[in-house]
Amino acid sequence: MHAARKRGMYVGGRPVLGYEVVDRKLVPVPEEAQRVRDIFELYVGLGSIMRPVQELNARGWRMKSWTDKHGTTHHGHRFDKKNLTTILRNPTYIGKVEFEGRLYDGKHEAIVSQELWDAARSRSHKNATSGAAEFRNKLGALLKGLAECGVCGASMTHTHVGNNGRRWRYYVCRTIHDRGASACPGSRISAPKLDEFVIERIKDIGKDPALVAAAIEAAKRSADARRPEVERDLREAEREVKRLTAERGHLIDGVARGAKGLVERLEVTDDELEVVGRRARELAAELIALDARTIDETDLRAVLAQFTPIWDQLVTSEKIRVLNLLIERVLFDARACEVEISFRATGIKVLAATRKSA
């Protein structure tokens, strides 16, 4: 295994976006390879990690879909900070293989230029050392990073226009912002107007016990709808772990008896077991996270009851922090003139704990 990796050979595991496995070799998939290059260019151009995540999901792009040796199709997930960072750090794309912290020349074709790779690494280092200060919320948009278009699902970017010393601020659907008004029949709204509307709705919820109960019920339904799918996938992953573990034991016994041709199969099984085991751990963690998302009614009532009296005393940066803790997203549908507010259960618990300690 060590020798194969040092020689730059593909030794199994889950295929990465941009390649397919042909005769145990990585071969570029032209359309996916172009998407990988676009991803790197987006990151270099946009700067922060979340902005390309939002843009990629707005385009409907997904991670790698693949079919395993049993004929089971694994569909690619939506992009998030974790899997996008994995792509940006994967030396496979420059034709390298990483082993024990060192890079070796791979036997496969690079699909990202060294120049683009270096630019992405430079951007990542700059963000790590500066905290991406140049991308901070300079105009004080309360819902920046929270507002989403209810028509196409894209994030809503914060923008402004000015004239004669005056400034008008807006939230605009990212699809419209990047590709023009014809790309989405969706959302554009005055930023102060949407900010004020959301704040007033939060205050209203705090005054109405029926709305508090409705918010809790909505969060519970969301978690309950996701749970069966996660539990099903986890059972499937655990069965596969059990099967591969048994297969690995038989192969080890065969190798110990001196049977020929089993070492390579054992290496492949080890890689498959690592991938499936990681997937099972991720699903188990998601089940725990679903439990953590359950909103405690006492905490929610306490937080909302204190929201109105303290809100006007907060400076803008504090208001942004409170909203990011309290709200998961604000969905604005321009066609229906509707706003949907989704609460963040973990943030509610943090705010409740902060209130108690204060």
Protein backbone atom coordinates (compact mmCIF):
# COMPACT_ATOMS: atom_id res chain seq x y z
CA MET A 1 0.00 0.00 0.00
CA HIS A 2 2.79 2.41 0.94
CA ALA A 3 4.76 1.62 -2.19
CA ALA A 4 1.69 2.06 -4.41
CA ARG A 5 0.89 5.47 -2.96
CA LYS A 6 4.47 6.64 -3.24
CA ARG A 7 4.38 5.62 -6.90
CA GLY A 8 1.32 7.84 -7.32
CA MET A 9 -1.11 5.01 -7.97
CA TYR A 10 -4.84 5.11 -7.21
CA VAL A 11 -5.52 2.66 -4.38
CA GLY A 12 -9.28 2.85 -4.08
CA GLY A 13 -11.78 4.82 -2.04
CA ARG A 14 -14.66 7.04 -2.99
CA PRO A 15 -14.23 8.75 -6.41
CA VAL A 16 -13.71 12.51 -6.31
CA LEU A 17 -15.53 15.13 -8.35
CA GLY A 18 -13.81 15.51 -11.71
CA TYR A 19 -12.70 11.90 -12.18
CA GLU A 20 -14.06 8.42 -12.75
CA VAL A 21 -12.28 5.13 -12.07
CA VAL A 22 -11.44 3.07 -15.16
CA ASP A 23 -9.39 -0.10 -14.69
CA ARG A 24 -8.35 1.16 -11.24
CA LYS A 25 -7.06 4.41 -12.71
CA LEU A 26 -8.39 7.95 -12.31
CA VAL A 27 -9.61 9.35 -15.64
CA PRO A 28 -10.91 12.95 -15.96
CA VAL A 29 -14.59 13.49 -16.71
CA PRO A 30 -14.56 16.60 -18.98
CA GLU A 31 -17.76 18.25 -17.69
CA GLU A 32 -16.90 17.58 -14.04
CA ALA A 33 -13.30 18.67 -14.57
CA GLN A 34 -14.51 22.03 -15.88
CA ARG A 35 -16.75 22.40 -12.84
CA VAL A 36 -13.78 21.74 -10.55
CA ARG A 37 -11.83 24.50 -12.29
CA ASP A 38 -14.84 26.80 -11.98
CA ILE A 39 -15.01 26.03 -8.26
CA PHE A 40 -11.38 27.02 -7.75
CA GLU A 41 -11.86 30.21 -9.78
CA LEU A 42 -15.01 31.10 -7.80
CA TYR A 43 -13.15 30.73 -4.54
CA VAL A 44 -10.21 32.82 -5.72
CA GLY A 45 -12.54 35.48 -7.11
CA LEU A 46 -15.10 35.66 -4.30
CA GLY A 47 -12.64 35.33 -1.46
CA SER A 48 -14.54 33.76 1.43
CA ILE A 49 -15.60 30.11 1.67
CA MET A 50 -19.34 30.74 2.17
CA ARG A 51 -19.88 32.88 -0.91
CA PRO A 52 -18.85 30.16 -3.40
CA VAL A 53 -20.85 27.61 -1.34
CA GLN A 54 -23.95 29.74 -1.80
CA GLU A 55 -23.25 30.30 -5.47
CA LEU A 56 -22.65 26.60 -6.22
CA ASN A 57 -25.86 25.58 -4.49
CA ALA A 58 -27.70 28.36 -6.31
CA ARG A 59 -26.51 26.84 -9.59
CA GLY A 60 -27.82 23.45 -8.51
CA TRP A 61 -24.36 21.86 -8.58
CA ARG A 62 -23.66 18.87 -6.32
CA MET A 63 -20.77 16.80 -5.07
CA LYS A 64 -19.75 13.59 -6.87
CA SER A 65 -22.45 11.01 -7.61
CA TRP A 66 -21.17 7.48 -8.02
CA THR A 67 -22.21 3.83 -8.19
CA ASP A 68 -20.46 1.24 -6.05
CA LYS A 69 -19.58 -2.32 -7.06
CA HIS A 70 -22.94 -3.55 -5.77
CA GLY A 71 -24.82 -1.28 -8.14
CA THR A 72 -25.94 1.17 -5.44
CA THR A 73 -25.99 4.79 -6.60
CA HIS A 74 -24.76 7.40 -4.13
CA HIS A 75 -26.08 10.85 -5.04
CA GLY A 76 -23.91 13.91 -4.50
CA HIS A 77 -24.71 16.17 -1.56
CA ARG A 78 -25.22 19.94 -1.62
CA PHE A 79 -22.08 21.96 -1.12
CA ASP A 80 -21.16 23.16 2.35
CA LYS A 81 -18.06 24.65 3.98
CA LYS A 82 -16.65 21.23 4.85
CA ASN A 83 -16.88 19.47 1.50
CA LEU A 84 -15.88 22.58 -0.47
CA THR A 85 -12.78 22.96 1.70
CA THR A 86 -11.98 19.29 1.04
CA ILE A 87 -12.08 19.95 -2.70
CA LEU A 88 -9.89 23.04 -2.45
CA ARG A 89 -7.27 21.12 -0.45
CA ASN A 90 -7.24 17.95 -2.54
CA PRO A 91 -3.88 17.63 -4.39
CA THR A 92 -5.43 15.04 -6.71
CA TYR A 93 -6.53 17.93 -8.90
CA ILE A 94 -2.94 18.98 -9.66
CA GLY A 95 -1.92 15.41 -10.49
CA LYS A 96 -0.47 14.60 -7.07
CA VAL A 97 -0.99 11.90 -4.43
CA GLU A 98 -0.59 12.76 -0.75
CA PHE A 99 0.94 10.20 1.61
CA GLU A 100 2.16 10.80 5.17
CA GLY A 101 2.18 14.56 4.66
CA ARG A 102 4.20 14.50 1.43
CA LEU A 103 3.10 14.90 -2.19
CA TYR A 104 4.10 12.44 -4.92
CA ASP A 105 3.55 12.66 -8.67
CA GLY A 106 0.36 10.78 -9.53
CA LYS A 107 -0.28 8.47 -12.47
CA HIS A 108 -3.41 10.46 -13.34
CA GLU A 109 -3.91 13.67 -15.31
CA ALA A 110 -4.13 17.02 -13.50
CA ILE A 111 -7.32 19.02 -14.13
CA VAL A 112 -6.35 22.20 -12.22
CA SER A 113 -3.32 24.25 -13.16
CA GLN A 114 -0.56 24.78 -10.61
CA GLU A 115 -1.12 28.53 -10.93
CA LEU A 116 -4.81 28.28 -10.02
CA TRP A 117 -4.04 25.85 -7.19
CA ASP A 118 -1.42 28.24 -5.77
CA ALA A 119 -3.85 31.16 -6.01
CA ALA A 120 -6.45 29.20 -4.03
CA ARG A 121 -3.88 28.25 -1.39
CA SER A 122 -2.78 31.87 -1.15
CA ARG A 123 -6.37 33.02 -0.70
CA SER A 124 -6.94 30.37 1.99
CA HIS A 125 -3.80 31.47 3.86
CA LYS A 126 -4.83 35.12 3.62
CA ASN A 127 -8.29 34.37 5.00
CA ALA A 128 -6.82 32.32 7.83
CA THR A 129 -4.45 35.10 8.90
CA SER A 130 -6.77 38.07 8.38
CA GLY A 131 -10.10 36.49 9.26
CA ALA A 132 -11.26 37.54 5.76
CA ALA A 133 -11.56 41.08 7.11
CA GLU A 134 -12.11 42.57 3.67
CA PHE A 135 -15.36 40.60 3.37
CA ARG A 136 -16.91 41.65 6.67
CA ASN A 137 -20.30 43.26 6.88
CA LYS A 138 -19.28 46.90 6.47
CA LEU A 139 -22.76 48.31 5.74
CA GLY A 140 -24.45 46.71 8.72
CA ALA A 141 -26.92 44.52 6.82
CA LEU A 142 -28.71 42.66 9.61
CA LEU A 143 -29.77 39.72 7.44
CA LYS A 144 -26.62 39.31 5.37
CA GLY A 145 -25.93 35.58 5.02
CA LEU A 146 -29.42 34.75 6.29
CA ALA A 147 -31.70 36.02 3.51
CA GLU A 148 -32.50 33.62 0.67
CA CYS A 149 -34.64 33.90 -2.46
CA GLY A 150 -37.90 32.03 -2.10
CA VAL A 151 -38.19 31.62 -5.88
CA CYS A 152 -34.89 30.01 -6.92
CA GLY A 153 -33.36 29.21 -3.54
CA ALA A 154 -30.22 31.29 -4.04
CA SER A 155 -28.79 33.45 -1.29
CA MET A 156 -29.60 37.14 -1.37
CA THR A 157 -26.64 39.46 -1.60
CA HIS A 158 -26.59 42.88 0.05
CA THR A 159 -25.97 45.80 -2.29
CA HIS A 160 -26.49 49.57 -2.41
CA VAL A 161 -26.75 52.54 -4.73
CA GLY A 162 -26.03 56.15 -3.89
CA ASN A 163 -26.68 59.64 -5.16
CA ASN A 164 -25.88 63.09 -3.75
CA GLY A 165 -24.67 61.66 -0.46
CA ARG A 166 -27.70 59.41 -0.02
CA ARG A 167 -27.56 55.64 -0.01
CA TRP A 168 -30.26 53.04 -0.71
CA ARG A 169 -29.59 49.49 0.39
CA TYR A 170 -31.17 46.33 -1.06
CA TYR A 171 -31.16 42.56 -0.73
CA VAL A 172 -30.98 41.07 -4.23
CA CYS A 173 -31.29 37.44 -5.30
CA ARG A 174 -27.78 36.18 -6.11
CA THR A 175 -29.02 34.66 -9.36
CA ILE A 176 -30.30 38.05 -10.52
CA HIS A 177 -27.19 39.79 -9.24
CA ASP A 178 -24.81 37.47 -11.12
CA ARG A 179 -26.76 36.56 -14.27
CA GLY A 180 -29.29 39.32 -14.82
CA ALA A 181 -32.99 39.88 -14.13
CA SER A 182 -34.11 37.27 -16.66
CA ALA A 183 -32.30 34.47 -14.78
CA CYS A 184 -34.81 34.48 -11.91
CA PRO A 185 -38.24 36.13 -11.62
CA GLY A 186 -37.47 36.45 -7.94
CA SER A 187 -36.39 38.74 -5.23
CA ARG A 188 -35.25 42.28 -4.75
CA ILE A 189 -36.30 44.23 -1.68
CA SER A 190 -35.25 47.24 0.36
CA ALA A 191 -32.79 46.03 3.01
CA PRO A 192 -34.13 48.29 5.79
CA LYS A 193 -37.68 47.19 4.93
CA LEU A 194 -36.90 43.47 5.16
CA ASP A 195 -34.77 43.96 8.29
CA GLU A 196 -37.58 45.84 10.01
CA PHE A 197 -40.23 43.33 8.95
CA VAL A 198 -38.25 40.39 10.34
CA ILE A 199 -37.51 42.19 13.62
CA GLU A 200 -41.19 43.06 14.09
CA ARG A 201 -42.23 39.47 13.39
CA ILE A 202 -39.80 38.18 16.03
CA LYS A 203 -41.25 40.66 18.51
CA ASP A 204 -44.79 39.54 17.59
CA ILE A 205 -43.90 35.88 18.16
CA GLY A 206 -42.57 36.72 21.61
CA LYS A 207 -45.92 38.28 22.51
CA ASP A 208 -48.09 35.43 21.23
CA PRO A 209 -47.92 31.99 22.95
CA ALA A 210 -49.72 30.40 19.99
CA LEU A 211 -46.96 31.56 17.61
CA VAL A 212 -44.29 30.23 19.97
CA ALA A 213 -46.01 26.85 19.94
CA ALA A 214 -46.32 26.99 16.14
CA ALA A 215 -42.60 27.76 15.77
CA ILE A 216 -41.69 24.80 17.96
CA GLU A 217 -44.02 22.48 16.06
CA ALA A 218 -42.56 23.60 12.71
CA ALA A 219 -39.02 22.85 13.90
CA LYS A 220 -40.12 19.45 15.17
CA ARG A 221 -41.76 18.58 11.84
CA SER A 222 -38.59 19.52 9.98
CA ALA A 223 -36.45 17.25 12.17
CA ASP A 224 -39.01 14.42 12.07
CA ALA A 225 -39.14 14.55 8.25
CA ARG A 226 -35.37 14.16 7.95
CA ARG A 227 -34.93 11.51 10.64
CA PRO A 228 -36.34 8.43 8.76
CA GLU A 229 -34.02 9.07 5.80
CA VAL A 230 -30.97 9.40 8.07
CA GLU A 231 -31.91 6.29 10.06
CA ARG A 232 -32.41 4.29 6.85
CA ASP A 233 -29.06 5.40 5.43
CA LEU A 234 -27.36 4.65 8.74
CA ARG A 235 -28.77 1.11 8.86
CA GLU A 236 -27.56 0.53 5.30
CA ALA A 237 -24.10 1.88 6.13
CA GLU A 238 -23.86 -0.25 9.28
CA ARG A 239 -24.84 -3.39 7.32
CA GLU A 240 -22.14 -2.60 4.77
CA VAL A 241 -19.56 -2.05 7.54
CA LYS A 242 -20.49 -5.43 9.01
CA ARG A 243 -20.23 -7.14 5.62
CA LEU A 244 -16.87 -5.55 4.78
CA THR A 245 -15.50 -6.33 8.23
CA ALA A 246 -16.40 -10.01 7.77
CA GLU A 247 -14.90 -10.01 4.27
CA ARG A 248 -11.73 -8.40 5.61
CA GLY A 249 -11.43 -11.13 8.25
CA HIS A 250 -11.69 -13.88 5.62
CA LEU A 251 -9.08 -12.16 3.46
CA ILE A 252 -6.67 -11.78 6.37
CA ASP A 253 -7.07 -15.49 7.12
CA GLY A 254 -6.37 -16.28 3.48
CA VAL A 255 -3.25 -14.11 3.42
CA ALA A 256 -2.05 -15.78 6.63
CA ARG A 257 -2.44 -19.20 4.97
CA GLY A 258 -0.32 -18.02 2.08
CA ALA A 259 -3.11 -17.78 -0.50
CA LYS A 260 -2.07 -15.79 -3.54
CA GLY A 261 -3.80 -12.76 -5.04
CA LEU A 262 -5.55 -11.67 -1.84
CA VAL A 263 -3.32 -8.77 -0.76
CA GLU A 264 -4.66 -6.47 -3.45
CA ARG A 265 -8.27 -7.41 -2.60
CA LEU A 266 -7.51 -6.74 1.07
CA GLU A 267 -6.22 -3.26 0.22
CA VAL A 268 -9.39 -2.44 -1.72
CA THR A 269 -11.59 -3.78 1.08
CA ASP A 270 -9.70 -1.68 3.65
CA ASP A 271 -10.31 1.46 1.56
CA GLU A 272 -13.99 0.64 1.13
CA LEU A 273 -14.34 -0.04 4.85
CA GLU A 274 -12.76 3.32 5.65
CA VAL A 275 -15.19 5.17 3.36
CA VAL A 276 -18.31 3.35 4.58
CA GLY A 277 -17.23 3.64 8.21
CA ARG A 278 -16.77 7.38 7.84
CA ARG A 279 -20.21 7.65 6.25
CA ALA A 280 -21.77 5.71 9.15
CA ARG A 281 -20.10 8.03 11.67
CA GLU A 282 -21.36 11.10 9.78
CA LEU A 283 -24.93 9.77 9.76
CA ALA A 284 -24.78 8.91 13.47
CA ALA A 285 -23.55 12.44 14.16
CA GLU A 286 -26.41 13.87 12.10
CA LEU A 287 -28.93 11.95 14.22
CA ILE A 288 -27.41 13.52 17.32
CA ALA A 289 -27.57 16.92 15.64
CA LEU A 290 -31.26 16.42 14.83
CA ASP A 291 -31.91 15.84 18.52
CA ALA A 292 -29.91 18.98 19.33
CA ARG A 293 -32.09 20.97 16.91
CA THR A 294 -35.18 20.34 19.04
CA ILE A 295 -36.23 23.72 20.37
CA ASP A 296 -36.92 23.90 24.07
CA GLU A 297 -40.16 25.83 24.62
CA THR A 298 -38.93 27.37 27.87
CA ASP A 299 -35.74 28.64 26.26
CA LEU A 300 -37.59 30.04 23.24
CA ARG A 301 -40.13 31.86 25.41
CA ALA A 302 -37.36 33.29 27.58
CA VAL A 303 -35.32 34.53 24.63
CA LEU A 304 -38.29 36.08 22.79
CA ALA A 305 -39.65 37.68 25.95
CA GLN A 306 -36.35 39.54 26.41
CA PHE A 307 -35.90 40.32 22.71
CA THR A 308 -37.94 43.55 22.59
CA PRO A 309 -36.58 45.27 25.74
CA ILE A 310 -32.91 44.68 24.86
CA TRP A 311 -32.98 45.01 21.05
CA ASP A 312 -32.87 48.80 20.88
CA GLN A 313 -29.96 48.90 23.30
CA LEU A 314 -27.70 46.81 21.06
CA VAL A 315 -25.18 48.22 18.61
CA THR A 316 -25.30 46.97 15.01
CA SER A 317 -22.61 44.30 15.42
CA GLU A 318 -24.43 42.91 18.47
CA LYS A 319 -27.74 42.86 16.59
CA ILE A 320 -26.12 40.91 13.74
CA ARG A 321 -24.68 38.38 16.21
CA VAL A 322 -28.05 37.90 17.95
CA LEU A 323 -29.88 37.39 14.65
CA ASN A 324 -27.29 34.91 13.41
CA LEU A 325 -27.68 32.93 16.61
CA LEU A 326 -31.47 33.12 16.61
CA ILE A 327 -32.24 32.63 12.90
CA GLU A 328 -31.19 29.88 10.51
CA ARG A 329 -32.56 31.59 7.40
CA VAL A 330 -35.05 34.18 6.15
CA LEU A 331 -36.80 33.06 2.95
CA PHE A 332 -38.24 35.97 0.93
CA ASP A 333 -40.63 35.12 -1.90
CA ALA A 334 -41.22 38.23 -4.03
CA ARG A 335 -44.00 36.63 -6.08
CA ALA A 336 -46.13 35.70 -3.07
CA CYS A 337 -44.92 38.65 -0.95
CA GLU A 338 -44.18 36.19 1.86
CA VAL A 339 -41.37 35.91 4.40
CA GLU A 340 -40.53 32.64 6.17
CA ILE A 341 -38.31 32.75 9.27
CA SER A 342 -36.56 29.55 10.40
CA PHE A 343 -35.16 29.53 13.92
CA ARG A 344 -31.80 28.02 14.86
CA ALA A 345 -32.36 25.78 17.91
CA THR A 346 -28.71 25.68 18.98
CA GLY A 347 -28.55 29.47 18.87
CA ILE A 348 -31.67 29.77 20.99
CA LYS A 349 -30.00 27.60 23.62
CA VAL A 350 -26.87 29.79 23.54
CA LEU A 351 -28.93 32.96 23.93
CA ALA A 352 -30.96 31.42 26.75
CA ALA A 353 -27.79 30.37 28.54
CA THR A 354 -26.31 33.85 28.07
CA ARG A 355 -29.45 35.40 29.54
CA LYS A 356 -29.37 33.07 32.57
CA SER A 357 -25.70 33.76 33.28
CA ALA A 358 -26.30 37.51 32.95
